[in-house]
PDB file of N, CA and C in Angstrom:
ATOM      1  N   UNK A   1       0.814  -1.192   0.000  1.00  0.00           N
ATOM      2  CA  UNK A   1       0.000   0.000   0.000  1.00  0.00           C
ATOM      3  C   UNK A   1       0.861   1.260   0.000  1.00  0.00           C
ATOM      4  N   UNK A   2       1.969   1.267   0.750  1.00  0.00           N
ATOM      5  CA  UNK A   2       2.838   2.433   0.792  1.00  0.00           C
ATOM      6  C   UNK A   2       3.460   2.714  -0.562  1.00  0.00           C
ATOM      7  N   UNK A   3       3.817   1.663  -1.301  1.00  0.00           N
ATOM      8  CA  UNK A   3       4.387   1.863  -2.629  1.00  0.00           C
ATOM      9  C   UNK A   3       3.368   2.508  -3.554  1.00  0.00           C
ATOM     10  N   UNK A   4       2.108   2.104  -3.455  1.00  0.00           N
ATOM     11  CA  UNK A   4       1.059   2.685  -4.273  1.00  0.00           C
ATOM     12  C   UNK A   4       0.889   4.163  -3.955  1.00  0.00           C
ATOM     13  N   UNK A   5       0.893   4.514  -2.670  1.00  0.00           N
ATOM     14  CA  UNK A   5       0.774   5.914  -2.265  1.00  0.00           C
ATOM     15  C   UNK A   5       1.943   6.729  -2.809  1.00  0.00           C
ATOM     16  N   UNK A   6       3.140   6.197  -2.724  1.00  0.00           N
ATOM     17  CA  UNK A   6       4.305   6.914  -3.209  1.00  0.00           C
ATOM     18  C   UNK A   6       4.239   7.109  -4.717  1.00  0.00           C
ATOM     19  N   UNK A   7       3.798   6.089  -5.443  1.00  0.00           N
ATOM     20  CA  UNK A   7       3.682   6.219  -6.889  1.00  0.00           C
ATOM     21  C   UNK A   7       2.614   7.237  -7.274  1.00  0.00           C
ATOM     22  N   UNK A   8       1.483   7.246  -6.566  1.00  0.00           N
ATOM     23  CA  UNK A   8       0.441   8.231  -6.835  1.00  0.00           C
ATOM     24  C   UNK A   8       0.934   9.639  -6.539  1.00  0.00           C
ATOM     25  N   UNK A   9       1.652   9.797  -5.456  1.00  0.00           N
ATOM     26  CA  UNK A   9       2.192  11.097  -5.092  1.00  0.00           C
ATOM     27  C   UNK A   9       3.216  11.564  -6.119  1.00  0.00           C
ATOM     28  N   UNK A  10       4.066  10.651  -6.564  1.00  0.00           N
ATOM     29  CA  UNK A  10       5.045  10.995  -7.595  1.00  0.00           C
ATOM     30  C   UNK A  10       4.345  11.416  -8.876  1.00  0.00           C
ATOM     31  N   UNK A  11       3.272  10.729  -9.215  1.00  0.00           N
ATOM     32  CA  UNK A  11       2.505  11.092 -10.408  1.00  0.00           C
ATOM     33  C   UNK A  11       1.902  12.478 -10.284  1.00  0.00           C
ATOM     34  N   UNK A  12       1.359  12.821  -9.112  1.00  0.00           N
ATOM     35  CA  UNK A  12       0.795  14.145  -8.901  1.00  0.00           C
ATOM     36  C   UNK A  12       1.872  15.210  -9.020  1.00  0.00           C
ATOM     37  N   UNK A  13       3.044  14.949  -8.460  1.00  0.00           N
ATOM     38  CA  UNK A  13       4.140  15.908  -8.574  1.00  0.00           C
ATOM     39  C   UNK A  13       4.506  16.141 -10.034  1.00  0.00           C
ATOM     40  N   UNK A  14       4.507  15.082 -10.807  1.00  0.00           N
ATOM     41  CA  UNK A  14       4.820  15.229 -12.231  1.00  0.00           C
ATOM     42  C   UNK A  14       3.756  16.039 -12.950  1.00  0.00           C
ATOM     43  N   UNK A  15       2.481  15.840 -12.608  1.00  0.00           N
ATOM     44  CA  UNK A  15       1.398  16.604 -13.230  1.00  0.00           C
ATOM     45  C   UNK A  15       1.525  18.076 -12.892  1.00  0.00           C
ATOM     46  N   UNK A  16       1.739  18.378 -11.619  1.00  0.00           N
ATOM     47  CA  UNK A  16       1.873  19.773 -11.205  1.00  0.00           C
ATOM     48  C   UNK A  16       3.103  20.393 -11.844  1.00  0.00           C
ATOM     49  N   UNK A  17       4.193  19.655 -11.889  1.00  0.00           N
ATOM     50  CA  UNK A  17       5.409  20.164 -12.515  1.00  0.00           C
ATOM     51  C   UNK A  17       5.228  20.420 -13.991  1.00  0.00           C
ATOM     52  N   UNK A  18       4.497  19.558 -14.680  1.00  0.00           N
ATOM     53  CA  UNK A  18       4.310  19.746 -16.114  1.00  0.00           C
ATOM     54  C   UNK A  18       3.375  20.897 -16.411  1.00  0.00           C
ATOM     55  N   UNK A  19       2.502  21.256 -15.457  1.00  0.00           N
ATOM     56  CA  UNK A  19       1.581  22.366 -15.666  1.00  0.00           C
ATOM     57  C   UNK A  19       2.314  23.688 -15.788  1.00  0.00           C
ATOM     58  N   UNK A  20       3.501  23.782 -15.210  1.00  0.00           N
ATOM     59  CA  UNK A  20       4.242  25.037 -15.249  1.00  0.00           C
ATOM     60  C   UNK A  20       5.580  24.908 -15.967  1.00  0.00           C
ATOM     61  N   UNK A  21       5.819  23.804 -16.623  1.00  0.00           N
ATOM     62  CA  UNK A  21       7.113  23.551 -17.251  1.00  0.00           C
ATOM     63  C   UNK A  21       7.457  24.584 -18.303  1.00  0.00           C
ATOM     64  N   UNK A  22       6.466  25.081 -19.011  1.00  0.00           N
ATOM     65  CA  UNK A  22       6.738  26.051 -20.067  1.00  0.00           C
ATOM     66  C   UNK A  22       7.208  27.390 -19.508  1.00  0.00           C
ATOM     67  N   UNK A  23       6.854  27.712 -18.263  1.00  0.00           N
ATOM     68  CA  UNK A  23       7.187  28.994 -17.670  1.00  0.00           C
ATOM     69  C   UNK A  23       8.459  28.970 -16.831  1.00  0.00           C
ATOM     70  N   UNK A  24       8.881  27.793 -16.397  1.00  0.00           N
ATOM     71  CA  UNK A  24       9.986  27.701 -15.461  1.00  0.00           C
ATOM     72  C   UNK A  24      11.099  26.828 -16.020  1.00  0.00           C
ATOM     73  N   UNK A  25      12.221  26.891 -15.348  1.00  0.00           N
ATOM     74  CA  UNK A  25      13.339  26.026 -15.687  1.00  0.00           C
ATOM     75  C   UNK A  25      12.916  24.577 -15.515  1.00  0.00           C
ATOM     76  N   UNK A  26      13.377  23.727 -16.418  1.00  0.00           N
ATOM     77  CA  UNK A  26      13.050  22.297 -16.313  1.00  0.00           C
ATOM     78  C   UNK A  26      13.789  21.684 -15.131  1.00  0.00           C
ATOM     79  N   UNK A  27      13.056  20.889 -14.382  1.00  0.00           N
ATOM     80  CA  UNK A  27      13.618  20.160 -13.257  1.00  0.00           C
ATOM     81  C   UNK A  27      13.506  18.675 -13.542  1.00  0.00           C
ATOM     82  N   UNK A  28      14.267  17.884 -12.803  1.00  0.00           N
ATOM     83  CA  UNK A  28      14.170  16.437 -12.946  1.00  0.00           C
ATOM     84  C   UNK A  28      13.628  15.854 -11.653  1.00  0.00           C
ATOM     85  N   UNK A  29      12.864  14.775 -11.790  1.00  0.00           N
ATOM     86  CA  UNK A  29      12.338  14.049 -10.642  1.00  0.00           C
ATOM     87  C   UNK A  29      12.439  12.571 -10.971  1.00  0.00           C
ATOM     88  N   UNK A  30      13.240  11.852 -10.193  1.00  0.00           N
ATOM     89  CA  UNK A  30      13.430  10.424 -10.426  1.00  0.00           C
ATOM     90  C   UNK A  30      13.390   9.686  -9.091  1.00  0.00           C
ATOM     91  N   UNK A  31      13.307   8.372  -9.193  1.00  0.00           N
ATOM     92  CA  UNK A  31      13.378   7.516  -8.015  1.00  0.00           C
ATOM     93  C   UNK A  31      14.551   6.569  -8.223  1.00  0.00           C
ATOM     94  N   UNK A  32      15.467   6.549  -7.272  1.00  0.00           N
ATOM     95  CA  UNK A  32      16.640   5.676  -7.378  1.00  0.00           C
ATOM     96  C   UNK A  32      17.036   5.199  -5.986  1.00  0.00           C
ATOM     97  N   UNK A  33      17.324   3.925  -5.868  1.00  0.00           N
ATOM     98  CA  UNK A  33      17.764   3.330  -4.600  1.00  0.00           C
ATOM     99  C   UNK A  33      16.825   3.662  -3.441  1.00  0.00           C
ATOM    100  N   UNK A  34      15.521   3.686  -3.722  1.00  0.00           N
ATOM    101  CA  UNK A  34      14.540   3.942  -2.677  1.00  0.00           C
ATOM    102  C   UNK A  34      14.413   5.395  -2.267  1.00  0.00           C
ATOM    103  N   UNK A  35      15.019   6.309  -3.014  1.00  0.00           N
ATOM    104  CA  UNK A  35      14.948   7.736  -2.691  1.00  0.00           C
ATOM    105  C   UNK A  35      14.311   8.506  -3.837  1.00  0.00           C
ATOM    106  N   UNK A  36      13.586   9.570  -3.493  1.00  0.00           N
ATOM    107  CA  UNK A  36      13.141  10.520  -4.493  1.00  0.00           C
ATOM    108  C   UNK A  36      14.298  11.476  -4.744  1.00  0.00           C
ATOM    109  N   UNK A  37      14.598  11.715  -6.001  1.00  0.00           N
ATOM    110  CA  UNK A  37      15.665  12.652  -6.356  1.00  0.00           C
ATOM    111  C   UNK A  37      15.063  13.806  -7.151  1.00  0.00           C
ATOM    112  N   UNK A  38      15.162  15.003  -6.597  1.00  0.00           N
ATOM    113  CA  UNK A  38      14.693  16.212  -7.267  1.00  0.00           C
ATOM    114  C   UNK A  38      15.928  16.989  -7.703  1.00  0.00           C
ATOM    115  N   UNK A  39      16.083  17.130  -8.992  1.00  0.00           N
ATOM    116  CA  UNK A  39      17.297  17.732  -9.561  1.00  0.00           C
ATOM    117  C   UNK A  39      18.554  17.020  -9.050  1.00  0.00           C
ATOM    118  N   UNK A  40      18.446  15.703  -8.907  1.00  0.00           N
ATOM    119  CA  UNK A  40      19.583  14.883  -8.507  1.00  0.00           C
ATOM    120  C   UNK A  40      19.848  14.841  -7.017  1.00  0.00           C
ATOM    121  N   UNK A  41      19.088  15.583  -6.212  1.00  0.00           N
ATOM    122  CA  UNK A  41      19.309  15.625  -4.768  1.00  0.00           C
ATOM    123  C   UNK A  41      18.220  14.837  -4.049  1.00  0.00           C
ATOM    124  N   UNK A  42      18.591  14.012  -3.055  1.00  0.00           N
ATOM    125  CA  UNK A  42      17.568  13.274  -2.299  1.00  0.00           C
ATOM    126  C   UNK A  42      16.582  14.243  -1.649  1.00  0.00           C
ATOM    127  N   UNK A  43      15.303  13.921  -1.768  1.00  0.00           N
ATOM    128  CA  UNK A  43      14.259  14.808  -1.272  1.00  0.00           C
ATOM    129  C   UNK A  43      13.224  14.004  -0.504  1.00  0.00           C
ATOM    130  N   UNK A  44      12.872  14.476   0.674  1.00  0.00           N
ATOM    131  CA  UNK A  44      11.767  13.876   1.410  1.00  0.00           C
ATOM    132  C   UNK A  44      10.497  14.621   1.029  1.00  0.00           C
ATOM    133  N   UNK A  45       9.418  13.878   0.863  1.00  0.00           N
ATOM    134  CA  UNK A  45       8.152  14.492   0.503  1.00  0.00           C
ATOM    135  C   UNK A  45       7.310  14.641   1.759  1.00  0.00           C
ATOM    136  N   UNK A  46       6.890  15.872   2.010  1.00  0.00           N
ATOM    137  CA  UNK A  46       6.008  16.198   3.132  1.00  0.00           C
ATOM    138  C   UNK A  46       4.732  16.756   2.506  1.00  0.00           C
ATOM    139  N   UNK A  47       3.673  15.975   2.569  1.00  0.00           N
ATOM    140  CA  UNK A  47       2.463  16.315   1.832  1.00  0.00           C
ATOM    141  C   UNK A  47       1.269  16.528   2.747  1.00  0.00           C
ATOM    142  N   UNK A  48       0.341  17.314   2.235  1.00  0.00           N
ATOM    143  CA  UNK A  48      -0.949  17.508   2.887  1.00  0.00           C
ATOM    144  C   UNK A  48      -2.025  17.477   1.822  1.00  0.00           C
ATOM    145  N   UNK A  49      -3.267  17.444   2.252  1.00  0.00           N
ATOM    146  CA  UNK A  49      -4.376  17.405   1.302  1.00  0.00           C
ATOM    147  C   UNK A  49      -5.126  18.720   1.305  1.00  0.00           C
ATOM    148  N   UNK A  50      -5.542  19.122   0.129  1.00  0.00           N
ATOM    149  CA  UNK A  50      -6.406  20.284  -0.039  1.00  0.00           C
ATOM    150  C   UNK A  50      -7.492  19.878  -1.016  1.00  0.00           C
ATOM    151  N   UNK A  51      -8.708  19.784  -0.542  1.00  0.00           N
ATOM    152  CA  UNK A  51      -9.819  19.399  -1.405  1.00  0.00           C
ATOM    153  C   UNK A  51     -10.377  20.657  -2.066  1.00  0.00           C
ATOM    154  N   UNK A  52      -9.919  20.909  -3.294  1.00  0.00           N
ATOM    155  CA  UNK A  52     -10.300  22.127  -4.010  1.00  0.00           C
ATOM    156  C   UNK A  52     -11.816  22.284  -4.105  1.00  0.00           C
ATOM    157  N   UNK A  53     -12.549  21.188  -4.147  1.00  0.00           N
ATOM    158  CA  UNK A  53     -14.005  21.257  -4.270  1.00  0.00           C
ATOM    159  C   UNK A  53     -14.659  21.812  -3.007  1.00  0.00           C
ATOM    160  N   UNK A  54     -13.947  21.737  -1.892  1.00  0.00           N
ATOM    161  CA  UNK A  54     -14.515  22.187  -0.617  1.00  0.00           C
ATOM    162  C   UNK A  54     -14.039  23.575  -0.211  1.00  0.00           C
ATOM    163  N   UNK A  55     -13.166  24.167  -1.003  1.00  0.00           N
ATOM    164  CA  UNK A  55     -12.610  25.486  -0.697  1.00  0.00           C
ATOM    165  C   UNK A  55     -12.979  26.428  -1.841  1.00  0.00           C
ATOM    166  N   UNK A  56     -13.549  27.599  -1.550  1.00  0.00           N
ATOM    167  CA  UNK A  56     -13.857  28.533  -2.631  1.00  0.00           C
ATOM    168  C   UNK A  56     -12.596  28.897  -3.423  1.00  0.00           C
ATOM    169  N   UNK A  57     -12.713  28.948  -4.722  1.00  0.00           N
ATOM    170  CA  UNK A  57     -11.567  29.187  -5.608  1.00  0.00           C
ATOM    171  C   UNK A  57     -10.722  30.406  -5.221  1.00  0.00           C
ATOM    172  N   UNK A  58     -11.318  31.521  -4.783  1.00  0.00           N
ATOM    173  CA  UNK A  58     -10.473  32.671  -4.423  1.00  0.00           C
ATOM    174  C   UNK A  58      -9.510  32.398  -3.266  1.00  0.00           C
ATOM    175  N   UNK A  59      -9.742  31.343  -2.498  1.00  0.00           N
ATOM    176  CA  UNK A  59      -8.889  31.022  -1.361  1.00  0.00           C
ATOM    177  C   UNK A  59      -7.827  29.970  -1.672  1.00  0.00           C
ATOM    178  N   UNK A  60      -7.836  29.372  -2.844  1.00  0.00           N
ATOM    179  CA  UNK A  60      -6.893  28.305  -3.165  1.00  0.00           C
ATOM    180  C   UNK A  60      -5.446  28.728  -2.976  1.00  0.00           C
ATOM    181  N   UNK A  61      -5.078  29.853  -3.578  1.00  0.00           N
ATOM    182  CA  UNK A  61      -3.674  30.300  -3.511  1.00  0.00           C
ATOM    183  C   UNK A  61      -3.246  30.501  -2.059  1.00  0.00           C
ATOM    184  N   UNK A  62      -4.081  31.162  -1.282  1.00  0.00           N
ATOM    185  CA  UNK A  62      -3.736  31.418   0.113  1.00  0.00           C
ATOM    186  C   UNK A  62      -3.559  30.126   0.893  1.00  0.00           C
ATOM    187  N   UNK A  63      -4.460  29.163   0.693  1.00  0.00           N
ATOM    188  CA  UNK A  63      -4.358  27.880   1.388  1.00  0.00           C
ATOM    189  C   UNK A  63      -3.077  27.145   0.988  1.00  0.00           C
ATOM    190  N   UNK A  64      -2.735  27.189  -0.293  1.00  0.00           N
ATOM    191  CA  UNK A  64      -1.493  26.546  -0.756  1.00  0.00           C
ATOM    192  C   UNK A  64      -0.271  27.240  -0.167  1.00  0.00           C
ATOM    193  N   UNK A  65      -0.317  28.557  -0.066  1.00  0.00           N
ATOM    194  CA  UNK A  65       0.792  29.296   0.543  1.00  0.00           C
ATOM    195  C   UNK A  65       0.938  28.937   2.022  1.00  0.00           C
ATOM    196  N   UNK A  66      -0.175  28.744   2.706  1.00  0.00           N
ATOM    197  CA  UNK A  66      -0.111  28.346   4.119  1.00  0.00           C
ATOM    198  C   UNK A  66       0.478  26.952   4.259  1.00  0.00           C
ATOM    199  N   UNK A  67       0.129  26.059   3.343  1.00  0.00           N
ATOM    200  CA  UNK A  67       0.697  24.706   3.381  1.00  0.00           C
ATOM    201  C   UNK A  67       2.210  24.764   3.190  1.00  0.00           C
ATOM    202  N   UNK A  68       2.647  25.587   2.250  1.00  0.00           N
ATOM    203  CA  UNK A  68       4.084  25.736   2.002  1.00  0.00           C
ATOM    204  C   UNK A  68       4.773  26.329   3.228  1.00  0.00           C
ATOM    205  N   UNK A  69       4.135  27.305   3.867  1.00  0.00           N
ATOM    206  CA  UNK A  69       4.708  27.936   5.059  1.00  0.00           C
ATOM    207  C   UNK A  69       4.853  26.942   6.214  1.00  0.00           C
ATOM    208  N   UNK A  70       4.014  25.899   6.228  1.00  0.00           N
ATOM    209  CA  UNK A  70       4.106  24.861   7.262  1.00  0.00           C
ATOM    210  C   UNK A  70       5.191  23.843   6.951  1.00  0.00           C
ATOM    211  N   UNK A  71       5.876  23.996   5.809  1.00  0.00           N
ATOM    212  CA  UNK A  71       6.957  23.080   5.469  1.00  0.00           C
ATOM    213  C   UNK A  71       6.556  21.967   4.524  1.00  0.00           C
ATOM    214  N   UNK A  72       5.321  21.997   4.024  1.00  0.00           N
ATOM    215  CA  UNK A  72       4.898  20.963   3.085  1.00  0.00           C
ATOM    216  C   UNK A  72       5.441  21.282   1.693  1.00  0.00           C
ATOM    217  N   UNK A  73       5.841  20.256   0.964  1.00  0.00           N
ATOM    218  CA  UNK A  73       6.367  20.468  -0.384  1.00  0.00           C
ATOM    219  C   UNK A  73       5.571  19.691  -1.432  1.00  0.00           C
ATOM    220  N   UNK A  74       4.415  19.165  -1.035  1.00  0.00           N
ATOM    221  CA  UNK A  74       3.541  18.452  -1.976  1.00  0.00           C
ATOM    222  C   UNK A  74       2.105  18.589  -1.488  1.00  0.00           C
ATOM    223  N   UNK A  75       1.181  18.492  -2.419  1.00  0.00           N
ATOM    224  CA  UNK A  75      -0.234  18.563  -2.071  1.00  0.00           C
ATOM    225  C   UNK A  75      -0.977  17.474  -2.849  1.00  0.00           C
ATOM    226  N   UNK A  76      -1.950  16.882  -2.192  1.00  0.00           N
ATOM    227  CA  UNK A  76      -2.801  15.907  -2.865  1.00  0.00           C
ATOM    228  C   UNK A  76      -4.236  16.399  -2.790  1.00  0.00           C
ATOM    229  N   UNK A  77      -5.051  15.896  -3.698  1.00  0.00           N
ATOM    230  CA  UNK A  77      -6.460  16.257  -3.700  1.00  0.00           C
ATOM    231  C   UNK A  77      -7.267  15.156  -4.358  1.00  0.00           C
ATOM    232  N   UNK A  78      -8.494  15.020  -3.949  1.00  0.00           N
ATOM    233  CA  UNK A  78      -9.422  14.109  -4.597  1.00  0.00           C
ATOM    234  C   UNK A  78     -10.092  14.838  -5.752  1.00  0.00           C
ATOM    235  N   UNK A  79     -10.530  14.081  -6.733  1.00  0.00           N
ATOM    236  CA  UNK A  79     -11.421  14.613  -7.766  1.00  0.00           C
ATOM    237  C   UNK A  79     -12.798  14.037  -7.450  1.00  0.00           C
ATOM    238  N   UNK A  80     -13.680  14.881  -6.959  1.00  0.00           N
ATOM    239  CA  UNK A  80     -15.029  14.457  -6.600  1.00  0.00           C
ATOM    240  C   UNK A  80     -15.892  14.493  -7.855  1.00  0.00           C
ATOM    241  N   UNK A  81     -16.104  13.342  -8.451  1.00  0.00           N
ATOM    242  CA  UNK A  81     -16.853  13.285  -9.717  1.00  0.00           C
ATOM    243  C   UNK A  81     -18.266  13.813  -9.529  1.00  0.00           C
ATOM    244  N   UNK A  82     -18.880  13.530  -8.390  1.00  0.00           N
ATOM    245  CA  UNK A  82     -20.238  14.022  -8.168  1.00  0.00           C
ATOM    246  C   UNK A  82     -20.276  15.543  -8.026  1.00  0.00           C
ATOM    247  N   UNK A  83     -19.170  16.152  -7.669  1.00  0.00           N
ATOM    248  CA  UNK A  83     -19.086  17.612  -7.592  1.00  0.00           C
ATOM    249  C   UNK A  83     -19.101  18.206  -9.006  1.00  0.00           C
ATOM    250  N   UNK A  84     -18.467  17.529  -9.934  1.00  0.00           N
ATOM    251  CA  UNK A  84     -18.372  18.038 -11.302  1.00  0.00           C
ATOM    252  C   UNK A  84     -19.600  17.702 -12.139  1.00  0.00           C
ATOM    253  N   UNK A  85     -20.287  16.612 -11.811  1.00  0.00           N
ATOM    254  CA  UNK A  85     -21.512  16.271 -12.552  1.00  0.00           C
ATOM    255  C   UNK A  85     -22.679  16.955 -11.835  1.00  0.00           C
ATOM    256  N   UNK A  86     -22.980  18.170 -12.275  1.00  0.00           N
ATOM    257  CA  UNK A  86     -23.961  19.007 -11.593  1.00  0.00           C
ATOM    258  C   UNK A  86     -25.389  18.490 -11.718  1.00  0.00           C
ATOM    259  N   UNK A  87     -25.661  17.761 -12.776  1.00  0.00           N
ATOM    260  CA  UNK A  87     -26.918  17.025 -12.958  1.00  0.00           C
ATOM    261  C   UNK A  87     -26.591  15.868 -13.897  1.00  0.00           C
ATOM    262  N   UNK A  88     -27.430  14.858 -13.969  1.00  0.00           N
ATOM    263  CA  UNK A  88     -27.088  13.685 -14.776  1.00  0.00           C
ATOM    264  C   UNK A  88     -26.646  14.035 -16.200  1.00  0.00           C
ATOM    265  N   UNK A  89     -25.403  13.684 -16.506  1.00  0.00           N
ATOM    266  CA  UNK A  89     -24.847  13.926 -17.836  1.00  0.00           C
ATOM    267  C   UNK A  89     -24.365  15.341 -18.087  1.00  0.00           C
ATOM    268  N   UNK A  90     -24.460  16.231 -17.114  1.00  0.00           N
ATOM    269  CA  UNK A  90     -24.014  17.621 -17.265  1.00  0.00           C
ATOM    270  C   UNK A  90     -22.783  17.822 -16.374  1.00  0.00           C
ATOM    271  N   UNK A  91     -21.659  18.187 -17.004  1.00  0.00           N
ATOM    272  CA  UNK A  91     -20.392  18.300 -16.289  1.00  0.00           C
ATOM    273  C   UNK A  91     -19.917  19.743 -16.260  1.00  0.00           C
ATOM    274  N   UNK A  92     -19.397  20.167 -15.133  1.00  0.00           N
ATOM    275  CA  UNK A  92     -18.851  21.519 -14.979  1.00  0.00           C
ATOM    276  C   UNK A  92     -17.398  21.405 -14.538  1.00  0.00           C
ATOM    277  N   UNK A  93     -16.487  21.785 -15.422  1.00  0.00           N
ATOM    278  CA  UNK A  93     -15.049  21.750 -15.138  1.00  0.00           C
ATOM    279  C   UNK A  93     -14.452  23.158 -15.142  1.00  0.00           C
ATOM    280  N   UNK A  94     -15.283  24.205 -15.249  1.00  0.00           N
ATOM    281  CA  UNK A  94     -14.730  25.538 -15.476  1.00  0.00           C
ATOM    282  C   UNK A  94     -15.147  26.610 -14.489  1.00  0.00           C
ATOM    283  N   UNK A  95     -16.298  26.505 -13.845  1.00  0.00           N
ATOM    284  CA  UNK A  95     -16.752  27.609 -13.013  1.00  0.00           C
ATOM    285  C   UNK A  95     -16.300  27.443 -11.561  1.00  0.00           C
ATOM    286  N   UNK A  96     -15.967  28.573 -10.934  1.00  0.00           N
ATOM    287  CA  UNK A  96     -15.647  28.599  -9.504  1.00  0.00           C
ATOM    288  C   UNK A  96     -14.724  27.495  -9.044  1.00  0.00           C
ATOM    289  N   UNK A  97     -15.120  26.807  -7.982  1.00  0.00           N
ATOM    290  CA  UNK A  97     -14.251  25.761  -7.438  1.00  0.00           C
ATOM    291  C   UNK A  97     -14.424  24.424  -8.164  1.00  0.00           C
ATOM    292  N   UNK A  98     -15.026  24.429  -9.356  1.00  0.00           N
ATOM    293  CA  UNK A  98     -15.063  23.252 -10.223  1.00  0.00           C
ATOM    294  C   UNK A  98     -13.832  23.220 -11.143  1.00  0.00           C
ATOM    295  N   UNK A  99     -13.121  24.327 -11.244  1.00  0.00           N
ATOM    296  CA  UNK A  99     -12.046  24.476 -12.231  1.00  0.00           C
ATOM    297  C   UNK A  99     -10.752  23.821 -11.751  1.00  0.00           C
ATOM    298  N   UNK A 100     -10.684  22.497 -11.910  1.00  0.00           N
ATOM    299  CA  UNK A 100      -9.510  21.743 -11.450  1.00  0.00           C
ATOM    300  C   UNK A 100      -8.254  22.160 -12.214  1.00  0.00           C
ATOM    301  N   UNK A 101      -8.408  22.534 -13.481  1.00  0.00           N
ATOM    302  CA  UNK A 101      -7.249  22.981 -14.270  1.00  0.00           C
ATOM    303  C   UNK A 101      -6.612  24.217 -13.625  1.00  0.00           C
ATOM    304  N   UNK A 102      -7.439  25.155 -13.200  1.00  0.00           N
ATOM    305  CA  UNK A 102      -6.913  26.355 -12.554  1.00  0.00           C
ATOM    306  C   UNK A 102      -6.286  26.025 -11.201  1.00  0.00           C
ATOM    307  N   UNK A 103      -6.875  25.078 -10.464  1.00  0.00           N
ATOM    308  CA  UNK A 103      -6.298  24.652  -9.183  1.00  0.00           C
ATOM    309  C   UNK A 103      -4.892  24.088  -9.391  1.00  0.00           C
ATOM    310  N   UNK A 104      -4.730  23.236 -10.388  1.00  0.00           N
ATOM    311  CA  UNK A 104      -3.410  22.646 -10.659  1.00  0.00           C
ATOM    312  C   UNK A 104      -2.425  23.728 -11.110  1.00  0.00           C
ATOM    313  N   UNK A 105      -2.903  24.672 -11.908  1.00  0.00           N
ATOM    314  CA  UNK A 105      -2.053  25.788 -12.351  1.00  0.00           C
ATOM    315  C   UNK A 105      -1.548  26.592 -11.154  1.00  0.00           C
ATOM    316  N   UNK A 106      -2.459  26.936 -10.250  1.00  0.00           N
ATOM    317  CA  UNK A 106      -2.090  27.713  -9.052  1.00  0.00           C
ATOM    318  C   UNK A 106      -1.133  26.905  -8.174  1.00  0.00           C
ATOM    319  N   UNK A 107      -1.386  25.614  -8.013  1.00  0.00           N
ATOM    320  CA  UNK A 107      -0.492  24.774  -7.209  1.00  0.00           C
ATOM    321  C   UNK A 107       0.903  24.758  -7.823  1.00  0.00           C
ATOM    322  N   UNK A 108       0.991  24.710  -9.135  1.00  0.00           N
ATOM    323  CA  UNK A 108       2.301  24.751  -9.806  1.00  0.00           C
ATOM    324  C   UNK A 108       2.999  26.079  -9.604  1.00  0.00           C
ATOM    325  N   UNK A 109       2.244  27.160  -9.618  1.00  0.00           N
ATOM    326  CA  UNK A 109       2.837  28.484  -9.402  1.00  0.00           C
ATOM    327  C   UNK A 109       3.346  28.650  -7.982  1.00  0.00           C
ATOM    328  N   UNK A 110       2.693  28.012  -7.035  1.00  0.00           N
ATOM    329  CA  UNK A 110       3.084  28.136  -5.632  1.00  0.00           C
ATOM    330  C   UNK A 110       4.125  27.110  -5.210  1.00  0.00           C
ATOM    331  N   UNK A 111       4.511  26.227  -6.113  1.00  0.00           N
ATOM    332  CA  UNK A 111       5.489  25.176  -5.798  1.00  0.00           C
ATOM    333  C   UNK A 111       6.852  25.760  -5.500  1.00  0.00           C
TER     334      UNK A 111
END
């Protein structure tokens, strides 16, 4: 189970990193000898969760900044499918706190 969590977390880091890759210097993230290597340096991951669906969009950046100030260097979140399917067959991915793309963008900017 721990390996699965680590792989999911590594995948999220890659997604967030790729969201801002065009704007920032390219970094490397690999796993070798049981260690996460960020730009070739061993890195411990300290993560917390932020459920974007439960926080109004104007507060996302501030909440992410507070997480960073607490020493966290990763964030995880659920995708609540029922939150995005506003009625049967109708999906909202763009308004307010439904905009997961904007949440990932902001998380990448605050990384």
